[in-house]
Structure formats: C-alpha cells, structure tokens
C-alpha cells in the first residue's frame, strides 16, 4: 500500500471557470479521499486550446505530480485539454465530460487517450460538441462512455456526474494501492 499523494487536475470549459458547479463538485468529491490533492486550473486568461494545454502541463510540473499518481478531469475544452495531455503523457486516469473532441479548430482534434483508466460522459442533446464523433472516438479507442439525456453542460446530471467521478476515483486509487 502506498501513501503517495494523488493529484487530480480539473480543467474547465471555454466559457466557464474553476468555480463552476461541476468543477467545484468534482473537486470537493476528490478531496474526500485520503492523500488526494485536487487542483482546479484557471484557464480564463485564454480561449486558445494550445495555451490551455500548456497551462495544465505547467500546473502538473509545479505540483510535482508523477504520471502514475495523476488523474485528469475536464469538461468541454477542458476535456480536450485533458485528453491531449494524456496523449502526450500517459496518466493514471482521464475523466472527460462532454469533451471537445473531433472539433476542427483544435490542434489535434482526436487525441489518443493514454490513461490506465478513462471515462467519458456526454449528453445526447449536446448542441456544442456533437455526440456522434465522440461515440466514434470512444469506440475506436475502446473507452468507457456514458451518454445521458442532457445537454452540453450536463447541468441536469451533476449528481450523476459526481457519483460516476467518485466510482472512477475509487477504481484509480484502489489500483494504485494494490501491493
């Protein structure tokens, strides 16, 4: 069993912020676990995906997080940031909410998610990021995906999102603590 600190990095969407309902709810849930530090990254200074990617990398470096003890969680553009980060630096977990995948204006629109554990939650009625390309990406990469009867913000599903995140964290942390 290890006492290593697990770092959870939360990346918000384009028009959101680190204080958004989903990000704060997930941050609070992560902090209920022992030896977990949750970091809500503030990306509001830029709308550029590549700059936000650099901000997440910098936060990871500053924290001293290791790949084996890093969990990324992001919504919309933040989901893309987490997916792309995991593509470049394999991590323990990658939890994505309505991730902006398969979007034309992003530097790498369909990153290969390289995480030991991954989960995507998307809304059937998402009018910002169409669900079909995300389903296709999940199928191609054999990623777990849950599609809910909700829109892009998943605002009617926050409790379900937090419950799924709790289960996801339990899986990641129990794997880390295996002898």
C-alpha atoms as a PDB file:
ATOM      1  CA  UNK A   1       0.000   0.000   0.000  1.00  0.00           C
ATOM      2  CA  UNK A   2       1.309   3.439  -0.901  1.00  0.00           C
ATOM      3  CA  UNK A   3       0.901   6.798   0.790  1.00  0.00           C
ATOM      4  CA  UNK A   4       1.833   8.750  -2.330  1.00  0.00           C
ATOM      5  CA  UNK A   5      -0.206  11.849  -2.981  1.00  0.00           C
ATOM      6  CA  UNK A   6      -2.577  11.530  -5.909  1.00  0.00           C
ATOM      7  CA  UNK A   7      -3.053  14.750  -7.859  1.00  0.00           C
ATOM      8  CA  UNK A   8      -6.393  15.434  -9.538  1.00  0.00           C
ATOM      9  CA  UNK A   9      -6.280  18.252 -12.096  1.00  0.00           C
ATOM     10  CA  UNK A  10      -9.621  19.745 -13.115  1.00  0.00           C
ATOM     11  CA  UNK A  11      -9.858  21.712 -16.348  1.00  0.00           C
ATOM     12  CA  UNK A  12     -12.973  23.794 -17.075  1.00  0.00           C
ATOM     13  CA  UNK A  13     -14.660  24.579 -20.369  1.00  0.00           C
ATOM     14  CA  UNK A  14     -14.321  27.520 -22.752  1.00  0.00           C
ATOM     15  CA  UNK A  15     -16.984  29.795 -21.243  1.00  0.00           C
ATOM     16  CA  UNK A  16     -16.665  28.512 -17.689  1.00  0.00           C
ATOM     17  CA  UNK A  17     -14.188  28.873 -14.849  1.00  0.00           C
ATOM     18  CA  UNK A  18     -12.563  26.994 -11.969  1.00  0.00           C
ATOM     19  CA  UNK A  19     -15.505  27.949  -9.736  1.00  0.00           C
ATOM     20  CA  UNK A  20     -18.125  26.330 -11.964  1.00  0.00           C
ATOM     21  CA  UNK A  21     -20.665  23.983 -10.417  1.00  0.00           C
ATOM     22  CA  UNK A  22     -19.293  20.776 -11.981  1.00  0.00           C
ATOM     23  CA  UNK A  23     -15.625  21.571 -11.379  1.00  0.00           C
ATOM     24  CA  UNK A  24     -16.231  22.531  -7.745  1.00  0.00           C
ATOM     25  CA  UNK A  25     -18.449  19.494  -7.134  1.00  0.00           C
ATOM     26  CA  UNK A  26     -15.792  17.170  -8.550  1.00  0.00           C
ATOM     27  CA  UNK A  27     -13.026  18.960  -6.637  1.00  0.00           C
ATOM     28  CA  UNK A  28     -14.962  18.545  -3.378  1.00  0.00           C
ATOM     29  CA  UNK A  29     -15.563  14.862  -4.143  1.00  0.00           C
ATOM     30  CA  UNK A  30     -11.878  14.252  -4.892  1.00  0.00           C
ATOM     31  CA  UNK A  31     -10.897  15.894  -1.619  1.00  0.00           C
ATOM     32  CA  UNK A  32     -12.971  13.366   0.363  1.00  0.00           C
ATOM     33  CA  UNK A  33     -10.336  10.737  -0.448  1.00  0.00           C
ATOM     34  CA  UNK A  34      -7.184  10.493   1.703  1.00  0.00           C
ATOM     35  CA  UNK A  35      -3.878  11.575   0.131  1.00  0.00           C
ATOM     36  CA  UNK A  36      -5.598  13.361  -2.766  1.00  0.00           C
ATOM     37  CA  UNK A  37      -4.862  16.950  -3.756  1.00  0.00           C
ATOM     38  CA  UNK A  38      -7.324  18.468  -6.214  1.00  0.00           C
ATOM     39  CA  UNK A  39      -6.275  21.408  -8.395  1.00  0.00           C
ATOM     40  CA  UNK A  40      -8.875  23.445 -10.304  1.00  0.00           C
ATOM     41  CA  UNK A  41      -6.878  25.088 -13.106  1.00  0.00           C
ATOM     42  CA  UNK A  42      -7.858  28.643 -14.035  1.00  0.00           C
ATOM     43  CA  UNK A  43      -7.870  28.898 -17.829  1.00  0.00           C
ATOM     44  CA  UNK A  44      -9.930  32.112 -18.054  1.00  0.00           C
ATOM     45  CA  UNK A  45      -6.964  34.148 -19.329  1.00  0.00           C
ATOM     46  CA  UNK A  46      -7.159  32.455 -22.742  1.00  0.00           C
ATOM     47  CA  UNK A  47      -9.545  30.736 -25.126  1.00  0.00           C
ATOM     48  CA  UNK A  48      -6.710  29.126 -27.089  1.00  0.00           C
ATOM     49  CA  UNK A  49      -6.621  25.310 -26.700  1.00  0.00           C
ATOM     50  CA  UNK A  50      -2.830  25.109 -27.068  1.00  0.00           C
ATOM     51  CA  UNK A  51      -2.290  27.741 -24.364  1.00  0.00           C
ATOM     52  CA  UNK A  52      -4.660  25.927 -22.026  1.00  0.00           C
ATOM     53  CA  UNK A  53      -2.738  22.728 -22.715  1.00  0.00           C
ATOM     54  CA  UNK A  54       0.479  24.483 -21.657  1.00  0.00           C
ATOM     55  CA  UNK A  55      -1.245  25.791 -18.502  1.00  0.00           C
ATOM     56  CA  UNK A  56      -2.217  22.262 -17.460  1.00  0.00           C
ATOM     57  CA  UNK A  57       1.301  20.950 -18.134  1.00  0.00           C
ATOM     58  CA  UNK A  58       2.742  23.778 -16.046  1.00  0.00           C
ATOM     59  CA  UNK A  59       0.354  23.055 -13.147  1.00  0.00           C
ATOM     60  CA  UNK A  60       1.329  19.386 -13.239  1.00  0.00           C
ATOM     61  CA  UNK A  61       5.037  20.270 -13.198  1.00  0.00           C
ATOM     62  CA  UNK A  62       4.614  22.770 -10.334  1.00  0.00           C
ATOM     63  CA  UNK A  63       2.766  20.237  -8.183  1.00  0.00           C
ATOM     64  CA  UNK A  64       5.441  17.573  -8.522  1.00  0.00           C
ATOM     65  CA  UNK A  65       2.804  15.085  -9.702  1.00  0.00           C
ATOM     66  CA  UNK A  66       4.021  11.879 -11.298  1.00  0.00           C
ATOM     67  CA  UNK A  67       2.315  10.188 -14.231  1.00  0.00           C
ATOM     68  CA  UNK A  68       1.416   7.199 -12.048  1.00  0.00           C
ATOM     69  CA  UNK A  69      -0.369   9.402  -9.494  1.00  0.00           C
ATOM     70  CA  UNK A  70      -2.098  11.873 -11.833  1.00  0.00           C
ATOM     71  CA  UNK A  71      -5.796  11.947 -12.639  1.00  0.00           C
ATOM     72  CA  UNK A  72      -7.098  14.441 -15.185  1.00  0.00           C
ATOM     73  CA  UNK A  73     -10.724  15.570 -15.313  1.00  0.00           C
ATOM     74  CA  UNK A  74     -12.113  18.116 -17.722  1.00  0.00           C
ATOM     75  CA  UNK A  75     -15.265  19.486 -19.254  1.00  0.00           C
ATOM     76  CA  UNK A  76     -15.723  20.562 -22.892  1.00  0.00           C
ATOM     77  CA  UNK A  77     -12.497  22.352 -23.944  1.00  0.00           C
ATOM     78  CA  UNK A  78     -11.082  21.215 -20.608  1.00  0.00           C
ATOM     79  CA  UNK A  79     -11.921  17.669 -21.665  1.00  0.00           C
ATOM     80  CA  UNK A  80      -9.893  18.146 -24.830  1.00  0.00           C
ATOM     81  CA  UNK A  81      -7.031  19.601 -22.754  1.00  0.00           C
ATOM     82  CA  UNK A  82      -7.056  16.516 -20.505  1.00  0.00           C
ATOM     83  CA  UNK A  83      -7.349  14.075 -23.421  1.00  0.00           C
ATOM     84  CA  UNK A  84      -4.475  15.721 -25.291  1.00  0.00           C
ATOM     85  CA  UNK A  85      -2.340  15.851 -22.140  1.00  0.00           C
ATOM     86  CA  UNK A  86      -2.878  12.123 -21.589  1.00  0.00           C
ATOM     87  CA  UNK A  87      -1.956  11.507 -25.226  1.00  0.00           C
ATOM     88  CA  UNK A  88       1.424  13.141 -24.646  1.00  0.00           C
ATOM     89  CA  UNK A  89       1.954  11.996 -21.051  1.00  0.00           C
ATOM     90  CA  UNK A  90       0.219   8.746 -20.036  1.00  0.00           C
ATOM     91  CA  UNK A  91      -1.538   9.152 -16.687  1.00  0.00           C
ATOM     92  CA  UNK A  92      -3.435   7.053 -14.167  1.00  0.00           C
ATOM     93  CA  UNK A  93      -6.869   8.446 -15.028  1.00  0.00           C
ATOM     94  CA  UNK A  94      -8.682  10.612 -17.555  1.00  0.00           C
ATOM     95  CA  UNK A  95     -12.317  11.587 -16.807  1.00  0.00           C
ATOM     96  CA  UNK A  96     -13.983  13.624 -19.552  1.00  0.00           C
ATOM     97  CA  UNK A  97     -17.301  15.496 -19.576  1.00  0.00           C
ATOM     98  CA  UNK A  98     -18.714  16.469 -22.986  1.00  0.00           C
ATOM     99  CA  UNK A  99     -15.129  16.646 -24.261  1.00  0.00           C
ATOM    100  CA  UNK A 100     -14.495  18.893 -27.257  1.00  0.00           C
ATOM    101  CA  UNK A 101     -13.163  16.024 -29.336  1.00  0.00           C
ATOM    102  CA  UNK A 102     -13.347  15.784 -33.126  1.00  0.00           C
ATOM    103  CA  UNK A 103     -13.565  19.586 -33.342  1.00  0.00           C
ATOM    104  CA  UNK A 104     -11.987  21.168 -36.434  1.00  0.00           C
ATOM    105  CA  UNK A 105     -10.297  24.186 -34.798  1.00  0.00           C
ATOM    106  CA  UNK A 106      -8.328  22.200 -32.225  1.00  0.00           C
ATOM    107  CA  UNK A 107      -4.610  21.442 -32.758  1.00  0.00           C
ATOM    108  CA  UNK A 108      -5.207  17.662 -32.517  1.00  0.00           C
ATOM    109  CA  UNK A 109      -8.920  17.019 -32.771  1.00  0.00           C
ATOM    110  CA  UNK A 110      -8.926  13.316 -31.876  1.00  0.00           C
ATOM    111  CA  UNK A 111      -6.105  12.595 -29.420  1.00  0.00           C
ATOM    112  CA  UNK A 112      -5.317   9.034 -28.416  1.00  0.00           C
ATOM    113  CA  UNK A 113      -6.195   8.929 -24.732  1.00  0.00           C
ATOM    114  CA  UNK A 114      -3.423   7.158 -22.840  1.00  0.00           C
ATOM    115  CA  UNK A 115      -4.636   6.578 -19.311  1.00  0.00           C
ATOM    116  CA  UNK A 116      -4.876   3.411 -17.271  1.00  0.00           C
ATOM    117  CA  UNK A 117      -8.498   4.367 -16.506  1.00  0.00           C
ATOM    118  CA  UNK A 118     -10.729   6.508 -18.684  1.00  0.00           C
ATOM    119  CA  UNK A 119     -14.371   7.539 -18.669  1.00  0.00           C
ATOM    120  CA  UNK A 120     -16.360   9.844 -20.925  1.00  0.00           C
ATOM    121  CA  UNK A 121     -19.756  11.284 -20.032  1.00  0.00           C
ATOM    122  CA  UNK A 122     -21.668  13.066 -22.779  1.00  0.00           C
ATOM    123  CA  UNK A 123     -25.186  14.361 -23.367  1.00  0.00           C
ATOM    124  CA  UNK A 124     -27.447  13.064 -26.121  1.00  0.00           C
ATOM    125  CA  UNK A 125     -28.721  16.624 -26.619  1.00  0.00           C
ATOM    126  CA  UNK A 126     -25.302  18.317 -26.759  1.00  0.00           C
ATOM    127  CA  UNK A 127     -25.615  21.195 -29.251  1.00  0.00           C
ATOM    128  CA  UNK A 128     -21.971  22.322 -28.864  1.00  0.00           C
ATOM    129  CA  UNK A 129     -19.985  19.096 -29.212  1.00  0.00           C
ATOM    130  CA  UNK A 130     -21.919  16.538 -31.270  1.00  0.00           C
ATOM    131  CA  UNK A 131     -22.171  13.155 -29.564  1.00  0.00           C
ATOM    132  CA  UNK A 132     -21.610  11.015 -32.680  1.00  0.00           C
ATOM    133  CA  UNK A 133     -17.895  11.821 -33.236  1.00  0.00           C
ATOM    134  CA  UNK A 134     -17.254  11.316 -29.509  1.00  0.00           C
ATOM    135  CA  UNK A 135     -19.006   7.929 -29.636  1.00  0.00           C
ATOM    136  CA  UNK A 136     -16.886   7.035 -32.677  1.00  0.00           C
ATOM    137  CA  UNK A 137     -13.677   8.031 -30.892  1.00  0.00           C
ATOM    138  CA  UNK A 138     -14.687   6.046 -27.788  1.00  0.00           C
ATOM    139  CA  UNK A 139     -15.447   3.007 -29.954  1.00  0.00           C
ATOM    140  CA  UNK A 140     -12.145   3.234 -31.844  1.00  0.00           C
ATOM    141  CA  UNK A 141     -10.143   3.624 -28.629  1.00  0.00           C
ATOM    142  CA  UNK A 142     -12.340   1.207 -26.636  1.00  0.00           C
ATOM    143  CA  UNK A 143     -13.057   3.830 -23.960  1.00  0.00           C
ATOM    144  CA  UNK A 144     -15.908   3.689 -21.461  1.00  0.00           C
ATOM    145  CA  UNK A 145     -18.646   6.164 -22.304  1.00  0.00           C
ATOM    146  CA  UNK A 146     -21.901   7.050 -20.604  1.00  0.00           C
ATOM    147  CA  UNK A 147     -24.398   9.072 -22.619  1.00  0.00           C
ATOM    148  CA  UNK A 148     -27.089  10.835 -20.602  1.00  0.00           C
ATOM    149  CA  UNK A 149     -30.317  12.551 -21.517  1.00  0.00           C
ATOM    150  CA  UNK A 150     -28.856  16.031 -21.088  1.00  0.00           C
ATOM    151  CA  UNK A 151     -27.215  18.870 -22.986  1.00  0.00           C
ATOM    152  CA  UNK A 152     -23.646  20.102 -23.297  1.00  0.00           C
ATOM    153  CA  UNK A 153     -23.351  21.488 -19.772  1.00  0.00           C
ATOM    154  CA  UNK A 154     -24.743  18.290 -18.208  1.00  0.00           C
ATOM    155  CA  UNK A 155     -26.479  20.671 -15.809  1.00  0.00           C
ATOM    156  CA  UNK A 156     -29.324  18.249 -15.093  1.00  0.00           C
ATOM    157  CA  UNK A 157     -26.876  15.453 -14.325  1.00  0.00           C
ATOM    158  CA  UNK A 158     -24.429  16.980 -11.833  1.00  0.00           C
ATOM    159  CA  UNK A 159     -25.292  14.478  -9.097  1.00  0.00           C
ATOM    160  CA  UNK A 160     -24.825  11.586 -11.530  1.00  0.00           C
ATOM    161  CA  UNK A 161     -21.529  13.057 -12.771  1.00  0.00           C
ATOM    162  CA  UNK A 162     -20.224  13.361  -9.201  1.00  0.00           C
ATOM    163  CA  UNK A 163     -21.346   9.813  -8.406  1.00  0.00           C
ATOM    164  CA  UNK A 164     -19.578   8.479 -11.512  1.00  0.00           C
ATOM    165  CA  UNK A 165     -16.476  10.522 -10.630  1.00  0.00           C
ATOM    166  CA  UNK A 166     -16.476   9.024  -7.122  1.00  0.00           C
ATOM    167  CA  UNK A 167     -16.547   5.496  -8.572  1.00  0.00           C
ATOM    168  CA  UNK A 168     -13.848   6.427 -11.080  1.00  0.00           C
ATOM    169  CA  UNK A 169     -11.579   7.771  -8.322  1.00  0.00           C
ATOM    170  CA  UNK A 170     -12.172   4.635  -6.237  1.00  0.00           C
ATOM    171  CA  UNK A 171     -11.053   2.463  -9.156  1.00  0.00           C
ATOM    172  CA  UNK A 172      -7.946   4.556  -9.800  1.00  0.00           C
ATOM    173  CA  UNK A 173      -6.949   4.743  -6.143  1.00  0.00           C
ATOM    174  CA  UNK A 174      -7.565   1.075  -5.386  1.00  0.00           C
ATOM    175  CA  UNK A 175      -5.352   0.166  -8.344  1.00  0.00           C
ATOM    176  CA  UNK A 176      -2.598   2.422  -7.019  1.00  0.00           C
ATOM    177  CA  UNK A 177      -2.806   0.838  -3.581  1.00  0.00           C
ATOM    178  CA  UNK A 178      -2.500  -2.756  -4.727  1.00  0.00           C
ATOM    179  CA  UNK A 179       0.696  -4.365  -3.404  1.00  0.00           C
END
